[in-house]
């Protein structure tokens, strides 16, 4: 059986096809390049012939260069991989998403070689009209430790990869752009880490010794700069800072917060409209019951809004321990006693609002919420119209969760699979 091995060369061609390619008549593939891109055209043709055994035809026209591949089999292969589509529907193929970093980087380089440019500041600018493609590219860049920015310009979604070492590892910038990386670690306001009083004092001492540059007006500092100071053994950071500097997570600055009139106990900040807990560009939000049940289903079966990532994000073996409505009120059908007394329920339960009830009703429409156990739990929620944050169980003692609730749930199999 013939196999297609997706290495860096093939991934680069796939990226260029996503940017500049299309299929037609169900047997032809075409790359459309600019007049000055003859060297790029030759490389594409070489990779196609060496790796797929098909010799492309290169045509030089008045408006540009076309590379035509006449092969029904190759057309079907590109279609099966997920490379075909329009400017608004193209996506990163799953085979690229699930590849190693070198292959992902090669695909992105091909994509930027096709639809990217370098602005006057040396930043790499990539533009697309595909909503899904923009989110996938953003997430892949994050996996390469690149902190890009994204803005909308009419119908176009523009992703900018900064030249600064604060935003992009120098070797990654050089690979994508073919240029020398930035020399300095620019100040970072969007993705910077907040500077504590203790850290500020240490940075001022280093500045006075001439060991680093620092402005007392700066309120944030880039992860890259802190990592450099640590590697040079000039700075010792608290554990909380070290986790952020060495980890994959990046803090994004909140530009503004709007006030909203509300009366009652604020127990959570929910994401408007969708109540999703993962944003389209890799940003994590916080939410709670009854949306917490839906969040569990996203971990288990994948996200509807992130369907292109569901295969990678889903964890089919996940189990939901709680807190469940039957934990609060018990259940005759489940032959289960409640964990909270009537007095404790009066003190700690939260009355469900209209949005909670609407969301619980919506859950019944999802196939994975139609199991007998889920229907019992949803019926209890509907009957009592109340919910509970897991922290309320600590009212029974600080060790109750660790010593009683969680071990008992696991030992008895009292979870939802």
Protein backbone atom coordinates (compact mmCIF):
# COMPACT_ATOMS: atom_id res chain seq x y z
CA UNK A 1 0.00 0.00 0.00
CA UNK A 2 1.33 3.43 -0.95
CA UNK A 3 1.70 5.84 1.95
CA UNK A 4 2.02 9.62 2.08
CA UNK A 5 4.56 10.73 4.67
CA UNK A 6 3.92 14.32 5.68
CA UNK A 7 7.35 15.77 6.39
CA UNK A 8 8.44 19.42 6.31
CA UNK A 9 8.56 19.60 2.48
CA UNK A 10 5.07 18.17 2.03
CA UNK A 11 3.69 20.31 4.87
CA UNK A 12 5.14 23.43 3.22
CA UNK A 13 3.38 22.53 -0.06
CA UNK A 14 0.13 21.92 1.83
CA UNK A 15 0.43 25.34 3.49
CA UNK A 16 1.01 27.02 0.14
CA UNK A 17 -1.97 25.19 -1.34
CA UNK A 18 -4.18 26.40 1.52
CA UNK A 19 -3.04 29.93 0.68
CA UNK A 20 -2.80 29.88 -3.11
CA UNK A 21 -4.33 26.62 -4.33
CA UNK A 22 -7.65 25.38 -5.62
CA UNK A 23 -9.12 22.28 -7.25
CA UNK A 24 -11.41 22.12 -10.26
CA UNK A 25 -13.15 19.64 -12.57
CA UNK A 26 -12.53 16.98 -9.92
CA UNK A 27 -9.14 16.07 -11.39
CA UNK A 28 -7.02 19.23 -11.46
CA UNK A 29 -5.08 21.07 -8.76
CA UNK A 30 -3.69 24.54 -9.31
CA UNK A 31 -1.30 26.87 -7.47
CA UNK A 32 -1.53 30.56 -8.45
CA UNK A 33 1.66 32.54 -7.77
CA UNK A 34 3.00 35.99 -8.57
CA UNK A 35 5.18 36.89 -11.54
CA UNK A 36 8.36 37.01 -9.45
CA UNK A 37 7.80 33.69 -7.66
CA UNK A 38 9.50 31.40 -10.19
CA UNK A 39 11.84 29.87 -7.61
CA UNK A 40 8.89 29.03 -5.38
CA UNK A 41 7.05 27.47 -8.33
CA UNK A 42 10.05 25.25 -9.12
CA UNK A 43 10.26 24.04 -5.53
CA UNK A 44 6.53 23.18 -5.46
CA UNK A 45 6.84 21.23 -8.72
CA UNK A 46 9.91 19.40 -7.43
CA UNK A 47 8.22 18.30 -4.19
CA UNK A 48 5.05 17.19 -6.01
CA UNK A 49 7.03 15.11 -8.50
CA UNK A 50 9.38 13.56 -5.92
CA UNK A 51 6.77 12.79 -3.28
CA UNK A 52 3.67 12.01 -5.36
CA UNK A 53 5.11 10.84 -8.67
CA UNK A 54 3.19 13.40 -10.72
CA UNK A 55 4.93 15.98 -12.91
CA UNK A 56 3.19 19.38 -12.71
CA UNK A 57 3.05 21.86 -15.60
CA UNK A 58 4.35 25.37 -14.87
CA UNK A 59 2.71 28.10 -16.97
CA UNK A 60 4.02 31.67 -17.09
CA UNK A 61 1.30 34.20 -17.89
CA UNK A 62 1.02 37.98 -18.01
CA UNK A 63 -0.54 38.13 -14.54
CA UNK A 64 1.40 35.40 -12.78
CA UNK A 65 2.61 31.81 -12.66
CA UNK A 66 0.27 28.82 -12.54
CA UNK A 67 1.25 25.30 -11.51
CA UNK A 68 -1.22 22.77 -12.91
CA UNK A 69 -1.38 19.18 -11.62
CA UNK A 70 -3.55 16.86 -13.71
CA UNK A 71 -4.23 13.86 -11.49
CA UNK A 72 -7.58 12.50 -10.35
CA UNK A 73 -5.87 10.48 -7.61
CA UNK A 74 -3.97 13.48 -6.25
CA UNK A 75 -7.14 15.56 -6.41
CA UNK A 76 -8.98 12.97 -4.31
CA UNK A 77 -6.04 12.77 -1.89
CA UNK A 78 -6.02 16.54 -1.34
CA UNK A 79 -9.79 16.41 -0.87
CA UNK A 80 -9.58 13.55 1.65
CA UNK A 81 -6.86 15.35 3.60
CA UNK A 82 -9.07 18.45 3.83
CA UNK A 83 -7.12 20.86 1.63
CA UNK A 84 -9.89 21.85 -0.78
CA UNK A 85 -12.31 24.67 -0.12
CA UNK A 86 -13.04 28.32 -0.74
CA UNK A 87 -11.43 31.39 0.78
CA UNK A 88 -14.08 31.33 3.53
CA UNK A 89 -14.18 27.58 4.19
CA UNK A 90 -10.56 26.42 4.08
CA UNK A 91 -9.13 24.86 7.23
CA UNK A 92 -5.88 23.44 8.53
CA UNK A 93 -5.93 19.69 7.74
CA UNK A 94 -6.19 17.44 10.84
CA UNK A 95 -3.03 15.62 9.73
CA UNK A 96 -1.12 18.89 10.21
CA UNK A 97 -2.75 19.73 13.54
CA UNK A 98 -1.77 16.32 14.90
CA UNK A 99 1.83 16.50 13.63
CA UNK A 100 4.99 17.53 15.43
CA UNK A 101 6.19 21.09 15.78
CA UNK A 102 8.57 21.00 12.81
CA UNK A 103 5.78 19.90 10.46
CA UNK A 104 3.36 22.48 11.90
CA UNK A 105 5.99 25.20 11.45
CA UNK A 106 6.61 24.11 7.84
CA UNK A 107 2.89 24.24 7.05
CA UNK A 108 2.60 27.72 8.56
CA UNK A 109 5.65 28.87 6.60
CA UNK A 110 3.98 27.71 3.39
CA UNK A 111 0.80 29.50 4.40
CA UNK A 112 2.70 32.74 5.12
CA UNK A 113 4.80 32.39 1.94
CA UNK A 114 1.52 32.37 0.05
CA UNK A 115 -0.76 34.84 1.84
CA UNK A 116 1.65 36.61 4.19
CA UNK A 117 3.70 39.78 4.00
CA UNK A 118 6.22 41.78 6.06
CA UNK A 119 5.13 45.22 7.23
CA UNK A 120 7.47 48.21 7.62
CA UNK A 121 8.19 47.25 11.23
CA UNK A 122 9.33 43.77 10.27
CA UNK A 123 6.21 42.03 11.57
CA UNK A 124 4.77 39.09 9.63
CA UNK A 125 1.18 39.83 8.59
CA UNK A 126 -1.20 37.05 7.52
CA UNK A 127 -4.76 37.68 6.33
CA UNK A 128 -7.65 35.28 5.71
CA UNK A 129 -11.42 35.37 5.32
CA UNK A 130 -11.91 31.96 6.90
CA UNK A 131 -13.04 32.27 10.51
CA UNK A 132 -12.05 28.71 11.37
CA UNK A 133 -8.69 28.90 9.60
CA UNK A 134 -7.76 32.06 11.49
CA UNK A 135 -8.51 30.39 14.82
CA UNK A 136 -6.56 27.28 13.90
CA UNK A 137 -3.54 29.31 12.76
CA UNK A 138 -3.68 31.33 15.98
CA UNK A 139 -3.73 28.16 18.11
CA UNK A 140 -0.90 26.56 16.13
CA UNK A 141 1.22 29.68 16.61
CA UNK A 142 0.58 29.51 20.35
CA UNK A 143 1.81 25.90 20.30
CA UNK A 144 5.08 27.22 18.80
CA UNK A 145 5.36 29.73 21.67
CA UNK A 146 4.44 32.63 19.41
CA UNK A 147 2.15 35.31 20.91
CA UNK A 148 0.37 36.76 17.87
CA UNK A 149 -2.23 39.51 17.68
CA UNK A 150 -5.46 39.28 15.73
CA UNK A 151 -7.75 42.04 14.44
CA UNK A 152 -10.65 42.29 12.01
CA UNK A 153 -10.40 44.50 8.95
CA UNK A 154 -13.75 44.33 7.21
CA UNK A 155 -14.18 40.75 5.98
CA UNK A 156 -10.51 39.97 6.59
CA UNK A 157 -9.08 38.52 9.79
CA UNK A 158 -5.51 39.71 10.19
CA UNK A 159 -2.97 37.85 12.32
CA UNK A 160 0.28 39.67 13.08
CA UNK A 161 3.44 37.89 14.24
CA UNK A 162 5.69 40.37 15.98
CA UNK A 163 9.37 40.73 15.18
CA UNK A 164 10.15 41.36 18.83
CA UNK A 165 11.67 38.49 20.80
CA UNK A 166 9.01 39.25 23.41
CA UNK A 167 6.37 37.91 21.01
CA UNK A 168 8.18 35.42 18.80
CA UNK A 169 11.14 33.10 19.45
CA UNK A 170 13.98 34.44 17.22
CA UNK A 171 14.55 31.14 15.41
CA UNK A 172 10.83 30.89 14.60
CA UNK A 173 10.71 34.45 13.27
CA UNK A 174 13.75 33.85 11.04
CA UNK A 175 12.26 30.60 9.73
CA UNK A 176 8.93 32.21 8.81
CA UNK A 177 10.30 35.48 7.42
CA UNK A 178 13.78 34.66 6.11
CA UNK A 179 15.02 37.75 7.99
CA UNK A 180 17.10 38.43 11.06
CA UNK A 181 15.05 38.52 14.27
CA UNK A 182 14.68 41.56 16.47
CA UNK A 183 17.67 42.32 18.68
CA UNK A 184 15.87 43.79 21.67
CA UNK A 185 13.21 42.47 24.02
CA UNK A 186 10.56 45.14 23.54
CA UNK A 187 8.24 46.07 26.40
CA UNK A 188 5.10 43.94 26.39
CA UNK A 189 1.76 45.49 27.33
CA UNK A 190 -0.69 42.97 25.88
CA UNK A 191 0.86 39.65 26.91
CA UNK A 192 3.14 40.90 29.68
CA UNK A 193 3.20 39.58 33.22
CA UNK A 194 2.29 42.07 35.97
CA UNK A 195 5.24 43.31 37.99
CA UNK A 196 4.90 42.82 41.75
CA UNK A 197 6.57 45.17 44.24
CA UNK A 198 9.24 42.60 45.04
CA UNK A 199 10.01 41.95 41.39
CA UNK A 200 10.12 45.69 40.68
CA UNK A 201 12.76 46.16 43.38
CA UNK A 202 14.87 43.34 41.94
CA UNK A 203 14.60 44.76 38.41
CA UNK A 204 15.60 48.24 39.61
CA UNK A 205 18.67 46.76 41.32
CA UNK A 206 19.67 44.98 38.11
CA UNK A 207 19.08 48.16 36.12
CA UNK A 208 21.29 50.19 38.49
CA UNK A 209 24.05 47.59 38.06
CA UNK A 210 23.72 47.83 34.28
CA UNK A 211 22.69 44.18 34.07
CA UNK A 212 19.38 44.88 32.29
CA UNK A 213 17.24 47.67 30.87
CA UNK A 214 14.11 48.58 32.78
CA UNK A 215 11.80 51.56 33.08
CA UNK A 216 10.11 52.23 36.39
CA UNK A 217 7.03 53.26 34.38
CA UNK A 218 6.57 49.70 33.11
CA UNK A 219 3.68 47.85 34.72
CA UNK A 220 4.34 44.55 32.93
CA UNK A 221 7.30 42.51 31.72
CA UNK A 222 7.51 39.91 28.97
CA UNK A 223 7.94 36.19 29.67
CA UNK A 224 10.91 36.17 27.30
CA UNK A 225 12.76 38.81 29.30
CA UNK A 226 12.15 37.07 32.61
CA UNK A 227 13.26 33.75 31.09
CA UNK A 228 16.48 35.41 29.89
CA UNK A 229 17.22 36.87 33.32
CA UNK A 230 16.61 33.48 34.94
CA UNK A 231 18.88 31.70 32.44
CA UNK A 232 21.61 34.25 33.18
CA UNK A 233 21.11 33.55 36.91
CA UNK A 234 20.49 37.23 37.54
CA UNK A 235 17.06 36.77 39.03
CA UNK A 236 15.29 34.38 41.37
CA UNK A 237 11.53 34.35 41.00
CA UNK A 238 8.74 33.15 43.31
CA UNK A 239 7.15 29.82 42.34
CA UNK A 240 4.04 31.58 40.92
CA UNK A 241 6.16 33.57 38.46
CA UNK A 242 8.32 30.58 37.51
CA UNK A 243 5.20 28.59 36.60
CA UNK A 244 4.01 31.35 34.28
CA UNK A 245 7.41 31.93 32.70
CA UNK A 246 8.12 28.26 31.98
CA UNK A 247 4.57 27.19 31.18
CA UNK A 248 2.58 27.37 27.96
CA UNK A 249 -0.10 29.72 29.29
CA UNK A 250 0.08 33.41 28.43
CA UNK A 251 -1.72 36.22 30.20
CA UNK A 252 -3.72 38.59 28.01
CA UNK A 253 -4.40 42.10 29.27
CA UNK A 254 -8.04 43.06 29.81
CA UNK A 255 -8.57 46.34 27.98
CA UNK A 256 -11.83 47.34 29.61
CA UNK A 257 -14.61 46.13 31.91
CA UNK A 258 -18.16 47.40 31.56
CA UNK A 259 -20.50 47.76 34.54
CA UNK A 260 -23.89 46.10 34.49
CA UNK A 261 -26.83 46.75 36.82
CA UNK A 262 -27.60 43.65 38.85
CA UNK A 263 -29.26 42.89 42.16
CA UNK A 264 -28.44 39.74 44.04
CA UNK A 265 -25.52 37.54 44.98
CA UNK A 266 -22.79 37.43 42.33
CA UNK A 267 -21.48 33.87 42.36
CA UNK A 268 -19.90 33.74 38.91
CA UNK A 269 -19.02 35.74 35.82
CA UNK A 270 -20.52 34.01 32.80
CA UNK A 271 -19.51 34.47 29.18
CA UNK A 272 -22.39 36.21 27.36
CA UNK A 273 -24.54 34.41 24.79
CA UNK A 274 -22.54 31.23 24.21
CA UNK A 275 -21.40 30.56 27.78
CA UNK A 276 -18.41 28.78 26.30
CA UNK A 277 -15.35 28.19 28.42
CA UNK A 278 -12.82 28.12 25.59
CA UNK A 279 -12.70 31.11 23.27
CA UNK A 280 -11.97 30.78 19.59
CA UNK A 281 -8.40 32.01 19.90
CA UNK A 282 -7.21 29.81 22.74
CA UNK A 283 -8.51 32.04 25.53
CA UNK A 284 -9.93 30.23 28.59
CA UNK A 285 -12.94 31.67 30.41
CA UNK A 286 -14.63 30.58 33.63
CA UNK A 287 -18.23 29.50 34.08
CA UNK A 288 -20.29 27.32 36.45
CA UNK A 289 -23.48 25.27 36.87
CA UNK A 290 -25.65 24.40 35.03
CA UNK A 291 -23.27 25.31 32.25
CA UNK A 292 -20.70 23.25 34.11
CA UNK A 293 -22.52 20.12 32.92
CA UNK A 294 -22.15 21.27 29.35
CA UNK A 295 -18.48 22.07 29.99
CA UNK A 296 -18.04 18.45 31.13
CA UNK A 297 -19.61 17.28 27.87
CA UNK A 298 -17.12 19.39 25.92
CA UNK A 299 -14.26 17.62 27.68
CA UNK A 300 -15.91 14.27 26.96
CA UNK A 301 -17.23 14.56 23.39
CA UNK A 302 -15.77 17.82 22.08
CA UNK A 303 -17.03 21.33 21.45
CA UNK A 304 -19.66 22.23 18.87
CA UNK A 305 -18.19 25.69 18.31
CA UNK A 306 -14.71 24.18 18.10
CA UNK A 307 -15.73 21.16 16.03
CA UNK A 308 -12.52 21.39 14.02
CA UNK A 309 -10.56 20.71 17.22
CA UNK A 310 -12.95 18.25 18.88
CA UNK A 311 -10.97 15.18 17.90
CA UNK A 312 -7.94 16.51 19.75
CA UNK A 313 -9.76 18.13 22.68
CA UNK A 314 -12.23 15.36 23.56
CA UNK A 315 -11.55 12.91 26.40
CA UNK A 316 -14.10 10.07 25.97
CA UNK A 317 -13.08 8.38 29.22
CA UNK A 318 -13.92 11.47 31.33
CA UNK A 319 -16.23 11.02 34.33
CA UNK A 320 -18.29 13.71 36.07
CA UNK A 321 -18.16 13.32 39.85
CA UNK A 322 -20.14 16.39 40.79
CA UNK A 323 -21.59 18.40 42.22
CA UNK A 324 -24.77 16.74 40.91
CA UNK A 325 -28.38 17.62 41.83
CA UNK A 326 -28.75 14.17 43.42
CA UNK A 327 -25.84 15.05 45.74
CA UNK A 328 -27.90 17.95 47.04
CA UNK A 329 -31.37 16.40 47.32
CA UNK A 330 -30.81 12.66 47.04
CA UNK A 331 -32.84 10.42 44.70
CA UNK A 332 -35.25 7.53 45.23
CA UNK A 333 -34.64 6.30 41.71
CA UNK A 334 -30.91 6.14 42.39
CA UNK A 335 -31.45 4.92 45.99
CA UNK A 336 -29.20 7.74 47.09
CA UNK A 337 -29.18 9.93 50.19
CA UNK A 338 -28.29 13.62 49.98
CA UNK A 339 -24.94 14.93 51.22
CA UNK A 340 -26.57 18.08 52.61
CA UNK A 341 -29.21 18.39 55.31
CA UNK A 342 -32.28 20.56 54.83
CA UNK A 343 -30.73 23.30 56.98
CA UNK A 344 -27.49 23.21 54.97
CA UNK A 345 -29.43 23.42 51.71
CA UNK A 346 -31.26 26.53 52.94
CA UNK A 347 -27.93 28.22 53.64
CA UNK A 348 -25.92 27.27 50.58
CA UNK A 349 -28.04 26.51 47.53
CA UNK A 350 -28.37 29.18 44.82
CA UNK A 351 -31.71 29.77 43.14
CA UNK A 352 -31.56 29.02 39.42
CA UNK A 353 -32.39 31.94 37.15
CA UNK A 354 -34.28 31.87 33.84
CA UNK A 355 -31.06 31.43 31.84
CA UNK A 356 -30.10 28.42 33.95
CA UNK A 357 -33.49 26.80 33.39
CA UNK A 358 -33.34 27.54 29.67
CA UNK A 359 -29.87 26.03 29.42
CA UNK A 360 -30.94 22.89 31.30
CA UNK A 361 -33.82 22.49 28.84
CA UNK A 362 -31.40 22.88 25.92
CA UNK A 363 -29.16 20.13 27.32
CA UNK A 364 -31.96 17.61 26.87
CA UNK A 365 -31.69 18.10 23.11
CA UNK A 366 -28.10 16.87 23.00
CA UNK A 367 -27.84 13.09 22.41
CA UNK A 368 -25.22 12.61 25.12
CA UNK A 369 -27.57 14.09 27.76
CA UNK A 370 -30.36 11.57 27.02
CA UNK A 371 -28.98 8.77 29.19
CA UNK A 372 -31.08 7.54 32.14
CA UNK A 373 -28.69 9.05 34.69
CA UNK A 374 -28.57 12.45 33.06
CA UNK A 375 -32.38 12.57 32.78
CA UNK A 376 -32.68 11.83 36.51
CA UNK A 377 -30.27 14.63 37.36
CA UNK A 378 -31.97 17.09 35.00
CA UNK A 379 -35.39 16.20 36.46
CA UNK A 380 -34.12 16.95 39.98
CA UNK A 381 -32.73 20.28 38.80
CA UNK A 382 -36.04 21.13 37.12
CA UNK A 383 -38.03 20.17 40.23
CA UNK A 384 -36.06 22.22 42.75
CA UNK A 385 -34.77 24.97 40.41
CA UNK A 386 -31.58 25.35 42.38
CA UNK A 387 -27.86 24.71 42.08
CA UNK A 388 -24.75 24.59 44.21
CA UNK A 389 -21.09 25.51 43.91
CA UNK A 390 -18.79 22.72 45.09
CA UNK A 391 -17.15 25.09 47.58
CA UNK A 392 -20.39 24.97 49.61
CA UNK A 393 -19.56 21.40 50.63
CA UNK A 394 -16.70 22.75 52.71
CA UNK A 395 -19.41 23.95 55.12
CA UNK A 396 -19.29 20.37 56.42
CA UNK A 397 -15.61 20.82 57.24
CA UNK A 398 -12.49 21.68 55.30
CA UNK A 399 -11.53 18.00 54.91
CA UNK A 400 -14.98 16.79 53.89
CA UNK A 401 -14.29 17.02 50.17
CA UNK A 402 -10.94 15.24 50.41
CA UNK A 403 -11.74 12.62 53.04
CA UNK A 404 -15.42 11.85 52.40
CA UNK A 405 -17.14 13.26 49.32
CA UNK A 406 -14.61 12.50 46.55
CA UNK A 407 -13.39 9.10 47.89
CA UNK A 408 -16.96 7.94 48.48
CA UNK A 409 -18.09 8.98 45.00
CA UNK A 410 -15.17 7.14 43.42
CA UNK A 411 -15.51 3.99 45.53
CA UNK A 412 -19.24 3.65 44.85
CA UNK A 413 -19.00 4.61 41.18
CA UNK A 414 -21.36 7.54 41.77
CA UNK A 415 -20.44 9.47 38.65
CA UNK A 416 -21.75 10.12 35.16
CA UNK A 417 -19.76 8.50 32.36
